Amino acid sequence: MRKYEVIIYWSEEDGAFVAEVPELPGCVAHGSIHESALANALEAIRLWLDTAQEFGDPIPEPKGRRLIFA
């Protein structure tokens, strides 16, 4: 799998950790702990890429940044 940047932060509004993948528009996941948010984000990345490929949409190359936990 390609390695995309994942930003994880606590959302008071959602009452959960939110994991955003900035390079993939709309690719967001959440979890009650940051590990589950990350696991859900990895699944969301896979689904995002599968869907883009299925519809012939462009897939951005990862910029090679590290995982960020905030």
Protein backbone atom coordinates (compact mmCIF):
# COMPACT_ATOMS: atom_id res chain seq x y z
CA MET A 1 0.00 0.00 0.00
CA ARG A 2 1.13 3.53 -0.67
CA LYS A 3 2.07 5.47 2.45
CA TYR A 4 0.01 8.61 2.91
CA GLU A 5 0.24 11.14 5.70
CA VAL A 6 -2.33 10.56 8.46
CA ILE A 7 -3.10 13.29 10.99
CA ILE A 8 -4.82 12.13 14.17
CA TYR A 9 -6.36 14.47 16.73
CA TRP A 10 -8.99 14.44 19.47
CA SER A 11 -12.31 16.03 18.52
CA GLU A 12 -14.41 17.25 21.44
CA GLU A 13 -17.31 17.77 19.04
CA ASP A 14 -17.23 14.13 17.88
CA GLY A 15 -16.07 12.66 21.18
CA ALA A 16 -13.50 10.58 19.30
CA PHE A 17 -10.07 10.62 17.71
CA VAL A 18 -10.27 11.76 14.10
CA ALA A 19 -7.78 10.55 11.48
CA GLU A 20 -7.53 12.69 8.34
CA VAL A 21 -5.63 11.84 5.17
CA PRO A 22 -4.99 15.27 3.63
CA GLU A 23 -3.72 13.97 0.28
CA LEU A 24 -6.94 12.02 -0.36
CA PRO A 25 -9.93 14.39 -0.39
CA GLY A 26 -12.71 13.26 1.94
CA CYS A 27 -10.67 10.41 3.40
CA VAL A 28 -11.40 10.64 7.14
CA ALA A 29 -11.94 8.04 9.86
CA HIS A 30 -12.41 8.03 13.62
CA GLY A 31 -12.03 5.81 16.66
CA SER A 32 -12.37 5.81 20.42
CA ILE A 33 -8.59 5.49 20.81
CA HIS A 34 -5.89 6.75 18.45
CA GLU A 35 -4.89 3.18 17.49
CA SER A 36 -8.39 2.41 16.26
CA ALA A 37 -8.57 5.75 14.44
CA LEU A 38 -5.35 4.84 12.63
CA ALA A 39 -6.56 1.32 11.80
CA ASN A 40 -9.81 2.77 10.46
CA ALA A 41 -7.86 5.37 8.45
CA LEU A 42 -5.77 2.64 6.84
CA GLU A 43 -8.97 0.85 5.80
CA ALA A 44 -10.42 4.16 4.52
CA ILE A 45 -7.26 4.71 2.44
CA ARG A 46 -7.61 1.26 0.90
CA LEU A 47 -11.28 1.88 0.06
CA TRP A 48 -10.52 5.38 -1.30
CA LEU A 49 -7.82 3.98 -3.60
CA ASP A 50 -9.99 1.03 -4.73
CA THR A 51 -12.86 3.39 -5.58
CA ALA A 52 -10.61 5.83 -7.44
CA GLN A 53 -9.13 3.00 -9.46
CA GLU A 54 -12.57 1.54 -10.23
CA PHE A 55 -13.82 4.86 -11.62
CA GLY A 56 -10.56 5.82 -13.33
CA ASP A 57 -10.00 8.82 -11.06
CA PRO A 58 -6.47 10.11 -10.58
CA ILE A 59 -4.61 8.78 -7.56
CA PRO A 60 -2.17 11.23 -5.99
CA GLU A 61 1.34 10.04 -5.21
CA PRO A 62 2.17 10.14 -1.49
CA LYS A 63 4.46 12.96 -0.47
CA GLY A 64 6.36 10.66 1.86
CA ARG A 65 5.61 12.46 5.11
CA ARG A 66 5.51 10.72 8.45
CA LEU A 67 2.54 9.83 10.61
CA ILE A 68 1.55 12.73 12.86
CA PHE A 69 -0.25 12.24 16.18
CA ALA A 70 -1.58 15.42 17.75
